């Protein structure tokens, strides 16, 4: 609950304009963003956090912007504005005169940091009514935060459940007569957050109270937050019981989607097929890189969901999970990139289809990288007919990168990551140097690959011989 609420004192025009159909209109005036493209997103699903673009517009010379977005239900939209991630809530048929914060661009270091965390702000509106969803949510959040902070501070004390229920009733009292369903659910699942915070051991009772035999709220972010916390590592929790330990056999040996559904029904007491399938998707996402369950089994079960589910949202979530967990797995295509070389030419990974690619991420200020560059140089001279070597440089300033290459005449391809800094997150780069070997078919062979110092040359010969390329 560390959101920063951006609610201007100059809010005016106390009404909510309505447009026809299921669209919403987003409009406003923000001179500091003139000639800037603004992109609005929604969360595709709250298990993977995948983002979907819902609309884009360019701010005019006068600072005006306007766009229509197709929307069939209430949900949160958001946009990235320099150091800010601004969000607001929309309902079909409404017009939103959005007030943007004064422009504050990222610093060069922040812009090139793929793990930069923007400041969260609830965008203000220049048109609202007392029943506007954004106004209702701001009022509730202001009432809720003091109670949340109180229970955070009391987390190590034994919970007085009567006092907790009294606190919830006090928070709810001013809002209980509102009829907006999204808003009602928003409040209800935040109360679930308080109960979870108060006692982390009440997972089963919370799942019964808030999820079992209740509708799944795919577009409500608070429902998603509570779901992700309640069912975090749920199969590990379930496997501690005699009936629940069958999950290991269902996944690791039988690899049976039907058996897994049955185990959730018996051991978890989940009677709703929709919820059981959603729990399975959550566990596949969370456990894929763990040590308890077979990756092959989890992937097979994921494919079973994609093929068998009758729920469109679940098919979408399953595809998002599959993309996320396989993007760096051998046998799958790695994340694509379009980066500039030292001559200003845009280079795509797909340009090298048909050749082996030894891809590495380095910084020209790292001793380890510099040492391995010296080993890469004779390797590339010996095998340049068989393999491309591509170095993606991640130095904080491009001038450092260019100065280094002027002093050191290396012949392989060097690219700079500044126009696609998220490439570090997509390749999960946590140390420099990191290497990958990609085959002529464009699919990963070794991920990560060994370094030149770890006898990569011998590994390459073994791979090429096994694939019939030697």
Protein backbone atom coordinates (compact mmCIF):
# COMPACT_ATOMS: atom_id res chain seq x y z
CA UNK A 1 0.00 0.00 0.00
CA UNK A 2 2.81 2.42 -0.80
CA UNK A 3 0.99 4.06 -3.67
CA UNK A 4 1.35 7.81 -4.12
CA UNK A 5 -2.04 9.34 -4.87
CA UNK A 6 -2.01 12.12 -7.42
CA UNK A 7 -5.29 13.91 -6.75
CA UNK A 8 -5.19 17.57 -7.69
CA UNK A 9 -7.00 20.21 -5.66
CA UNK A 10 -8.10 21.82 -8.88
CA UNK A 11 -10.56 19.06 -9.84
CA UNK A 12 -13.62 20.65 -11.36
CA UNK A 13 -16.59 20.08 -13.69
CA UNK A 14 -18.52 17.87 -11.27
CA UNK A 15 -20.04 15.50 -13.77
CA UNK A 16 -19.15 12.36 -15.70
CA UNK A 17 -19.54 12.54 -19.44
CA UNK A 18 -20.81 9.42 -21.17
CA UNK A 19 -20.02 8.11 -24.62
CA UNK A 20 -21.92 5.51 -26.56
CA UNK A 21 -21.25 1.79 -26.77
CA UNK A 22 -18.62 -0.15 -24.84
CA UNK A 23 -15.78 2.24 -25.60
CA UNK A 24 -14.14 4.67 -23.22
CA UNK A 25 -12.62 8.00 -24.19
CA UNK A 26 -9.36 9.20 -22.63
CA UNK A 27 -8.60 12.86 -23.12
CA UNK A 28 -6.66 15.68 -21.51
CA UNK A 29 -4.21 18.53 -21.86
CA UNK A 30 -0.58 18.17 -20.77
CA UNK A 31 1.73 20.76 -22.39
CA UNK A 32 4.89 19.30 -20.85
CA UNK A 33 4.27 16.12 -22.89
CA UNK A 34 3.75 17.86 -26.26
CA UNK A 35 4.77 15.72 -29.26
CA UNK A 36 5.19 12.69 -27.00
CA UNK A 37 3.53 9.34 -27.64
CA UNK A 38 1.54 8.08 -24.67
CA UNK A 39 0.75 4.37 -24.48
CA UNK A 40 -1.95 2.93 -22.24
CA UNK A 41 -1.80 -0.65 -20.98
CA UNK A 42 -3.86 -3.21 -19.16
CA UNK A 43 -2.55 -6.25 -17.33
CA UNK A 44 -3.19 -9.29 -19.49
CA UNK A 45 -3.21 -11.53 -16.44
CA UNK A 46 -2.06 -11.16 -12.85
CA UNK A 47 -0.17 -14.47 -12.72
CA UNK A 48 2.52 -13.51 -15.26
CA UNK A 49 2.07 -9.73 -15.15
CA UNK A 50 2.08 -9.62 -18.96
CA UNK A 51 1.09 -6.22 -20.35
CA UNK A 52 -1.28 -5.59 -23.26
CA UNK A 53 -1.33 -2.29 -25.14
CA UNK A 54 -4.91 -0.97 -25.28
CA UNK A 55 -4.30 2.37 -27.01
CA UNK A 56 -1.76 4.97 -28.06
CA UNK A 57 -1.92 8.65 -28.89
CA UNK A 58 0.49 11.50 -29.64
CA UNK A 59 0.18 14.69 -27.59
CA UNK A 60 -0.33 17.68 -29.91
CA UNK A 61 1.75 20.87 -30.05
CA UNK A 62 -0.82 22.46 -27.73
CA UNK A 63 -0.62 19.56 -25.27
CA UNK A 64 -3.96 17.96 -26.18
CA UNK A 65 -4.47 14.19 -26.39
CA UNK A 66 -7.50 12.08 -27.15
CA UNK A 67 -8.16 8.43 -27.91
CA UNK A 68 -10.92 5.85 -27.76
CA UNK A 69 -10.34 2.43 -26.22
CA UNK A 70 -12.59 -0.59 -26.54
CA UNK A 71 -13.52 -1.78 -23.06
CA UNK A 72 -16.13 -4.35 -22.04
CA UNK A 73 -15.77 -4.21 -18.24
CA UNK A 74 -14.39 -2.10 -15.41
CA UNK A 75 -10.64 -2.43 -14.91
CA UNK A 76 -7.41 -0.60 -14.21
CA UNK A 77 -5.43 1.06 -17.03
CA UNK A 78 -1.95 2.50 -16.66
CA UNK A 79 0.75 4.35 -18.56
CA UNK A 80 4.47 4.96 -18.12
CA UNK A 81 5.37 8.66 -17.87
CA UNK A 82 9.08 9.11 -17.25
CA UNK A 83 9.72 8.21 -13.62
CA UNK A 84 6.00 7.58 -13.04
CA UNK A 85 3.62 4.70 -13.59
CA UNK A 86 0.26 6.42 -13.59
CA UNK A 87 -2.91 4.39 -13.24
CA UNK A 88 -6.65 4.98 -13.13
CA UNK A 89 -9.84 2.93 -13.28
CA UNK A 90 -12.28 2.90 -16.17
CA UNK A 91 -15.80 1.70 -16.83
CA UNK A 92 -17.34 1.17 -20.30
CA UNK A 93 -19.15 4.14 -21.77
CA UNK A 94 -17.33 6.87 -19.83
CA UNK A 95 -15.05 9.73 -20.77
CA UNK A 96 -11.97 10.37 -18.62
CA UNK A 97 -10.29 13.78 -18.65
CA UNK A 98 -6.95 12.58 -17.28
CA UNK A 99 -4.61 14.97 -15.46
CA UNK A 100 -1.00 13.95 -16.00
CA UNK A 101 1.80 14.86 -13.56
CA UNK A 102 4.32 17.44 -14.69
CA UNK A 103 6.78 15.67 -16.93
CA UNK A 104 9.85 14.29 -15.17
CA UNK A 105 12.00 12.13 -17.44
CA UNK A 106 14.21 9.33 -16.21
CA UNK A 107 17.88 10.04 -15.75
CA UNK A 108 20.24 8.27 -18.20
CA UNK A 109 21.02 5.70 -15.52
CA UNK A 110 17.33 5.09 -14.78
CA UNK A 111 16.47 4.85 -18.48
CA UNK A 112 19.06 2.13 -19.07
CA UNK A 113 18.18 0.17 -15.94
CA UNK A 114 15.65 -2.55 -16.89
CA UNK A 115 14.89 -3.11 -13.20
CA UNK A 116 14.01 0.53 -12.49
CA UNK A 117 10.86 0.77 -10.36
CA UNK A 118 8.67 3.76 -11.30
CA UNK A 119 6.80 5.85 -8.76
CA UNK A 120 3.17 4.67 -8.58
CA UNK A 121 0.60 7.46 -8.83
CA UNK A 122 -3.18 7.43 -9.08
CA UNK A 123 -3.85 9.87 -11.92
CA UNK A 124 -6.24 12.71 -11.22
CA UNK A 125 -9.32 13.44 -13.33
CA UNK A 126 -10.69 16.81 -14.37
CA UNK A 127 -14.19 15.33 -14.61
CA UNK A 128 -15.67 13.22 -11.88
CA UNK A 129 -18.77 12.66 -9.80
CA UNK A 130 -19.25 11.38 -6.28
CA UNK A 131 -19.93 7.94 -7.79
CA UNK A 132 -16.89 7.92 -10.08
CA UNK A 133 -14.93 4.72 -9.51
CA UNK A 134 -11.62 6.57 -9.12
CA UNK A 135 -13.01 8.92 -6.50
CA UNK A 136 -14.56 6.01 -4.59
CA UNK A 137 -11.28 4.07 -4.63
CA UNK A 138 -9.25 7.07 -3.44
CA UNK A 139 -11.69 7.59 -0.56
CA UNK A 140 -11.51 3.93 0.43
CA UNK A 141 -7.72 3.76 0.19
CA UNK A 142 -7.38 6.82 2.42
CA UNK A 143 -9.56 5.09 5.02
CA UNK A 144 -7.89 1.67 4.63
CA UNK A 145 -4.18 2.61 4.78
CA UNK A 146 -4.07 3.56 8.50
CA UNK A 147 -5.58 0.20 9.45
CA UNK A 148 -3.23 -1.63 7.12
CA UNK A 149 -0.22 0.17 8.62
CA UNK A 150 -1.43 -0.68 12.12
CA UNK A 151 -1.62 -4.38 11.36
CA UNK A 152 1.77 -4.32 9.60
CA UNK A 153 3.25 -2.95 12.82
CA UNK A 154 1.48 -5.66 14.83
CA UNK A 155 2.49 -8.52 12.54
CA UNK A 156 4.52 -10.29 15.25
CA UNK A 157 1.77 -10.10 17.85
CA UNK A 158 -1.01 -12.63 18.27
CA UNK A 159 -4.03 -11.58 16.24
CA UNK A 160 -7.16 -10.47 18.06
CA UNK A 161 -9.68 -11.63 15.45
CA UNK A 162 -12.56 -9.81 17.11
CA UNK A 163 -10.59 -6.57 16.94
CA UNK A 164 -9.69 -7.24 13.31
CA UNK A 165 -13.33 -7.79 12.38
CA UNK A 166 -14.24 -4.59 14.25
CA UNK A 167 -11.60 -2.68 12.28
CA UNK A 168 -12.99 -4.04 9.01
CA UNK A 169 -16.50 -3.00 9.99
CA UNK A 170 -15.24 0.51 10.81
CA UNK A 171 -13.51 0.82 7.46
CA UNK A 172 -16.55 -0.51 5.61
CA UNK A 173 -19.21 1.58 7.36
CA UNK A 174 -18.99 4.72 5.14
CA UNK A 175 -18.96 2.66 1.92
CA UNK A 176 -21.39 -0.20 2.52
CA UNK A 177 -24.29 1.39 0.63
CA UNK A 178 -22.41 1.91 -2.64
CA UNK A 179 -23.74 -0.33 -5.41
CA UNK A 180 -20.77 -0.46 -7.81
CA UNK A 181 -19.85 -4.16 -8.03
CA UNK A 182 -16.20 -3.61 -8.99
CA UNK A 183 -15.82 -1.27 -6.02
CA UNK A 184 -17.51 -3.70 -3.66
CA UNK A 185 -15.13 -6.48 -4.73
CA UNK A 186 -12.15 -4.12 -4.52
CA UNK A 187 -12.94 -3.44 -0.86
CA UNK A 188 -13.75 -7.05 -0.02
CA UNK A 189 -10.45 -8.43 -1.30
CA UNK A 190 -8.49 -5.73 0.47
CA UNK A 191 -10.12 -6.95 3.69
CA UNK A 192 -8.81 -10.38 2.73
CA UNK A 193 -5.33 -8.81 2.54
CA UNK A 194 -5.70 -7.65 6.15
CA UNK A 195 -6.72 -11.13 7.28
CA UNK A 196 -3.83 -12.74 5.42
CA UNK A 197 -1.40 -10.24 6.90
CA UNK A 198 -2.74 -10.92 10.39
CA UNK A 199 -2.21 -14.68 10.17
CA UNK A 200 -0.24 -16.26 7.33
CA UNK A 201 -1.28 -19.74 8.52
CA UNK A 202 -4.97 -19.32 7.62
CA UNK A 203 -4.42 -20.04 3.93
CA UNK A 204 -7.10 -22.73 3.69
CA UNK A 205 -9.75 -20.68 5.47
CA UNK A 206 -8.96 -17.64 3.32
CA UNK A 207 -9.18 -19.70 0.12
CA UNK A 208 -12.58 -20.97 1.29
CA UNK A 209 -13.80 -17.48 2.21
CA UNK A 210 -12.57 -15.56 -0.82
CA UNK A 211 -12.10 -18.00 -3.70
CA UNK A 212 -13.83 -21.37 -3.41
CA UNK A 213 -17.27 -21.29 -5.05
CA UNK A 214 -16.89 -17.61 -5.86
CA UNK A 215 -16.58 -16.02 -9.31
CA UNK A 216 -13.06 -15.44 -10.63
CA UNK A 217 -12.46 -11.69 -11.07
CA UNK A 218 -9.95 -11.60 -13.91
CA UNK A 219 -10.03 -7.79 -14.22
CA UNK A 220 -9.81 -6.86 -10.54
CA UNK A 221 -6.16 -6.25 -9.49
CA UNK A 222 -6.86 -6.66 -5.77
CA UNK A 223 -8.45 -10.07 -6.37
CA UNK A 224 -5.30 -10.98 -8.31
CA UNK A 225 -2.98 -9.73 -5.55
CA UNK A 226 -4.77 -11.76 -2.89
CA UNK A 227 -4.97 -14.84 -5.13
CA UNK A 228 -1.23 -14.69 -5.81
CA UNK A 229 -0.45 -14.46 -2.10
CA UNK A 230 -2.92 -17.07 -0.85
CA UNK A 231 -1.86 -19.63 -3.46
CA UNK A 232 1.87 -18.87 -3.38
CA UNK A 233 3.69 -22.28 -3.33
CA UNK A 234 0.30 -23.91 -2.80
CA UNK A 235 1.32 -27.33 -4.14
CA UNK A 236 4.16 -27.45 -1.59
CA UNK A 237 1.64 -26.59 1.13
CA UNK A 238 -0.86 -29.14 -0.18
CA UNK A 239 1.82 -31.84 -0.46
CA UNK A 240 2.30 -31.87 3.31
CA UNK A 241 -0.99 -33.71 3.80
CA UNK A 242 -1.52 -37.42 3.13
CA UNK A 243 -4.10 -36.80 0.41
CA UNK A 244 -2.31 -33.76 -1.01
CA UNK A 245 1.07 -35.42 -1.54
CA UNK A 246 -0.43 -37.03 -4.64
CA UNK A 247 0.37 -33.78 -6.48
CA UNK A 248 3.96 -35.01 -6.81
CA UNK A 249 2.84 -38.22 -8.48
CA UNK A 250 0.30 -36.40 -10.66
CA UNK A 251 3.02 -34.11 -12.04
CA UNK A 252 6.29 -36.05 -11.85
CA UNK A 253 5.17 -39.56 -12.76
CA UNK A 254 1.64 -39.78 -14.17
CA UNK A 255 1.75 -36.28 -15.74
CA UNK A 256 -2.03 -36.33 -15.63
CA UNK A 257 -4.11 -33.19 -15.77
CA UNK A 258 -7.25 -35.16 -14.84
CA UNK A 259 -5.55 -36.67 -11.77
CA UNK A 260 -4.27 -33.28 -10.69
CA UNK A 261 -7.77 -31.80 -10.87
CA UNK A 262 -9.02 -34.72 -8.75
CA UNK A 263 -6.29 -34.21 -6.13
CA UNK A 264 -7.22 -30.54 -5.82
CA UNK A 265 -10.85 -31.54 -5.38
CA UNK A 266 -10.14 -34.12 -2.66
CA UNK A 267 -7.17 -32.63 -0.79
CA UNK A 268 -7.94 -28.95 -1.34
CA UNK A 269 -11.72 -29.27 -1.23
CA UNK A 270 -12.05 -27.18 -4.40
CA UNK A 271 -15.26 -28.07 -6.16
CA UNK A 272 -15.11 -25.36 -8.82
CA UNK A 273 -13.39 -26.47 -12.04
CA UNK A 274 -12.55 -22.88 -13.00
CA UNK A 275 -10.73 -22.19 -9.75
CA UNK A 276 -8.91 -25.54 -9.81
CA UNK A 277 -7.62 -24.85 -13.31
CA UNK A 278 -6.50 -21.36 -12.30
CA UNK A 279 -4.62 -22.77 -9.28
CA UNK A 280 -2.87 -25.24 -11.58
CA UNK A 281 -1.79 -22.43 -13.89
CA UNK A 282 -0.46 -20.42 -10.93
CA UNK A 283 1.58 -23.40 -9.68
CA UNK A 284 3.03 -24.18 -13.13
CA UNK A 285 4.20 -20.57 -13.35
CA UNK A 286 5.67 -20.50 -9.84
CA UNK A 287 7.25 -23.97 -9.70
CA UNK A 288 8.81 -24.22 -13.15
CA UNK A 289 12.22 -23.08 -11.94
CA UNK A 290 11.93 -24.86 -8.60
CA UNK A 291 13.33 -28.25 -7.68
CA UNK A 292 10.19 -30.09 -6.55
CA UNK A 293 8.46 -30.75 -9.86
CA UNK A 294 9.51 -32.01 -13.28
CA UNK A 295 9.79 -29.21 -15.84
CA UNK A 296 8.80 -31.62 -18.57
CA UNK A 297 5.74 -32.63 -16.57
CA UNK A 298 4.76 -29.03 -15.89
CA UNK A 299 5.11 -28.12 -19.59
CA UNK A 300 2.99 -31.11 -20.60
CA UNK A 301 0.29 -30.10 -18.13
CA UNK A 302 0.44 -26.53 -19.43
CA UNK A 303 -0.12 -27.78 -22.97
CA UNK A 304 -3.05 -29.85 -21.67
CA UNK A 305 -4.67 -26.69 -20.34
CA UNK A 306 -4.14 -24.88 -23.65
CA UNK A 307 -5.73 -27.75 -25.59
CA UNK A 308 -8.54 -28.66 -23.19
CA UNK A 309 -9.71 -25.54 -21.39
CA UNK A 310 -13.10 -24.15 -22.27
CA UNK A 311 -12.22 -20.81 -20.66
CA UNK A 312 -10.71 -18.22 -22.98
CA UNK A 313 -9.00 -16.34 -20.14
CA UNK A 314 -7.23 -19.53 -19.06
CA UNK A 315 -6.00 -20.26 -22.57
CA UNK A 316 -4.55 -16.74 -22.70
CA UNK A 317 -2.91 -17.09 -19.28
CA UNK A 318 -1.48 -20.49 -20.28
CA UNK A 319 0.04 -19.04 -23.45
CA UNK A 320 1.51 -16.14 -21.47
CA UNK A 321 3.04 -18.60 -19.02
CA UNK A 322 4.41 -20.76 -21.82
CA UNK A 323 6.09 -17.78 -23.45
CA UNK A 324 7.56 -16.60 -20.15
CA UNK A 325 8.99 -19.93 -18.98
CA UNK A 326 10.26 -21.18 -22.34
CA UNK A 327 11.80 -18.01 -23.74
CA UNK A 328 15.24 -19.00 -22.42
CA UNK A 329 14.85 -22.77 -22.59
CA UNK A 330 16.97 -24.83 -25.03
CA UNK A 331 14.89 -25.77 -28.05
CA UNK A 332 12.93 -22.51 -28.05
CA UNK A 333 13.53 -19.20 -29.79
CA UNK A 334 15.10 -16.59 -27.50
CA UNK A 335 13.75 -13.05 -27.13
CA UNK A 336 14.26 -11.06 -30.32
CA UNK A 337 16.10 -7.76 -30.40
CA UNK A 338 16.74 -4.79 -32.69
CA UNK A 339 19.87 -2.91 -31.61
CA UNK A 340 22.27 -0.50 -33.27
CA UNK A 341 25.86 -1.40 -34.12
CA UNK A 342 28.80 1.00 -33.95
CA UNK A 343 28.00 2.31 -37.43
CA UNK A 344 24.41 3.19 -36.55
CA UNK A 345 22.94 0.24 -38.45
CA UNK A 346 19.93 -1.49 -36.90
CA UNK A 347 20.76 -5.17 -36.36
CA UNK A 348 18.16 -7.86 -35.67
CA UNK A 349 18.79 -11.27 -34.17
CA UNK A 350 16.73 -12.73 -37.01
CA UNK A 351 19.36 -11.39 -39.47
CA UNK A 352 21.61 -14.29 -38.43
CA UNK A 353 19.15 -17.10 -39.10
CA UNK A 354 21.04 -19.94 -40.80
CA UNK A 355 24.23 -19.47 -38.74
CA UNK A 356 25.36 -20.37 -35.25
CA UNK A 357 25.37 -17.37 -32.93
CA UNK A 358 27.47 -17.02 -29.78
CA UNK A 359 25.63 -14.21 -28.01
CA UNK A 360 27.11 -12.52 -24.97
CA UNK A 361 26.17 -9.66 -22.66
CA UNK A 362 29.12 -7.65 -21.35
CA UNK A 363 30.21 -4.31 -20.01
CA UNK A 364 33.41 -2.77 -21.30
CA UNK A 365 34.41 -1.83 -17.74
CA UNK A 366 34.31 -5.39 -16.38
CA UNK A 367 37.64 -7.18 -15.88
CA UNK A 368 36.00 -10.56 -16.58
CA UNK A 369 34.53 -9.29 -19.85
CA UNK A 370 37.81 -7.71 -20.96
CA UNK A 371 39.71 -10.89 -20.20
CA UNK A 372 37.28 -13.02 -22.19
CA UNK A 373 37.31 -10.58 -25.11
CA UNK A 374 41.00 -11.43 -25.45
CA UNK A 375 40.10 -15.14 -25.64
CA UNK A 376 37.19 -14.51 -28.00
CA UNK A 377 39.38 -12.73 -30.52
CA UNK A 378 41.50 -15.75 -31.67
CA UNK A 379 38.45 -18.01 -31.38
CA UNK A 380 36.51 -15.79 -33.79
CA UNK A 381 39.44 -15.66 -36.22
CA UNK A 382 39.54 -19.46 -36.33
CA UNK A 383 35.78 -20.03 -36.72
CA UNK A 384 34.28 -16.91 -38.28
CA UNK A 385 33.09 -18.97 -41.27
CA UNK A 386 30.99 -21.17 -38.98
CA UNK A 387 29.71 -18.87 -36.24
CA UNK A 388 28.72 -15.27 -35.53
CA UNK A 389 29.86 -13.69 -32.28
CA UNK A 390 27.60 -10.89 -31.03
CA UNK A 391 28.38 -8.81 -27.97
CA UNK A 392 25.63 -6.66 -26.46
CA UNK A 393 27.34 -3.93 -24.45
CA UNK A 394 25.52 -2.59 -21.40
CA UNK A 395 27.76 0.25 -20.25
CA UNK A 396 25.80 3.07 -18.61
CA UNK A 397 27.15 5.61 -21.11
CA UNK A 398 27.47 4.97 -24.83
CA UNK A 399 30.65 7.04 -24.98
CA UNK A 400 32.42 4.47 -22.77
CA UNK A 401 31.41 1.73 -25.19
CA UNK A 402 32.55 3.68 -28.26
CA UNK A 403 35.84 4.77 -26.70
CA UNK A 404 36.64 1.16 -25.79
CA UNK A 405 36.04 -0.08 -29.35
CA UNK A 406 38.23 2.68 -30.80
CA UNK A 407 41.13 1.49 -28.68
CA UNK A 408 40.47 -2.23 -29.25
CA UNK A 409 40.00 -3.46 -32.80
CA UNK A 410 37.78 -6.49 -32.30
CA UNK A 411 36.21 -7.82 -35.49
CA UNK A 412 32.97 -9.38 -34.31
CA UNK A 413 29.63 -7.61 -34.01
CA UNK A 414 29.18 -5.17 -31.10
CA UNK A 415 25.74 -3.74 -30.32
CA UNK A 416 24.64 -1.22 -27.71
CA UNK A 417 21.48 -1.86 -25.71
CA UNK A 418 20.24 1.70 -25.17
CA UNK A 419 17.22 1.58 -27.50
CA UNK A 420 15.99 -1.70 -25.95
CA UNK A 421 17.19 -1.76 -22.31
CA UNK A 422 14.50 -4.28 -21.38
CA UNK A 423 16.58 -6.88 -23.26
CA UNK A 424 18.49 -7.44 -19.99
CA UNK A 425 15.30 -8.45 -18.22
CA UNK A 426 14.12 -10.56 -21.15
CA UNK A 427 17.40 -12.54 -21.08
CA UNK A 428 17.45 -12.53 -17.26
CA UNK A 429 20.96 -11.06 -17.14
CA UNK A 430 22.25 -11.05 -13.57
CA UNK A 431 26.01 -11.15 -14.12
CA UNK A 432 28.58 -10.14 -16.73
CA UNK A 433 29.55 -11.81 -18.92
CA UNK A 434 26.63 -14.12 -19.73
CA UNK A 435 26.63 -16.28 -22.89
CA UNK A 436 24.05 -18.05 -25.06
CA UNK A 437 24.49 -20.39 -28.02
CA UNK A 438 21.82 -20.15 -30.72
CA UNK A 439 21.53 -22.64 -33.59
CA UNK A 440 21.01 -21.99 -37.32
CA UNK A 441 17.29 -22.66 -36.79
CA UNK A 442 17.13 -19.63 -34.48
CA UNK A 443 16.57 -21.75 -31.35
CA UNK A 444 18.62 -21.85 -28.19
CA UNK A 445 21.10 -24.72 -27.87
CA UNK A 446 22.80 -23.77 -24.59
CA UNK A 447 21.15 -21.30 -22.23
CA UNK A 448 23.30 -20.12 -20.64
CA UNK A 449 26.34 -21.29 -22.57
CA UNK A 450 29.82 -21.78 -21.15
CA UNK A 451 32.37 -19.00 -21.57
CA UNK A 452 35.51 -19.10 -23.73
CA UNK A 453 37.50 -19.79 -20.55
CA UNK A 454 35.34 -22.87 -19.92
CA UNK A 455 36.33 -24.53 -23.20
CA UNK A 456 33.39 -23.30 -25.29
CA UNK A 457 35.32 -24.24 -28.44
CA UNK A 458 35.15 -27.95 -27.57
CA UNK A 459 31.45 -27.65 -26.69
CA UNK A 460 30.78 -26.04 -30.05
CA UNK A 461 32.52 -28.88 -31.91
CA UNK A 462 30.43 -31.43 -29.99
CA UNK A 463 27.20 -29.59 -30.83
CA UNK A 464 28.05 -29.16 -34.53
CA UNK A 465 29.11 -32.80 -34.87
CA UNK A 466 25.93 -34.05 -33.19
CA UNK A 467 23.81 -31.88 -35.48
CA UNK A 468 25.66 -33.03 -38.63
CA UNK A 469 27.32 -29.69 -39.33
CA UNK A 470 30.88 -31.07 -39.16
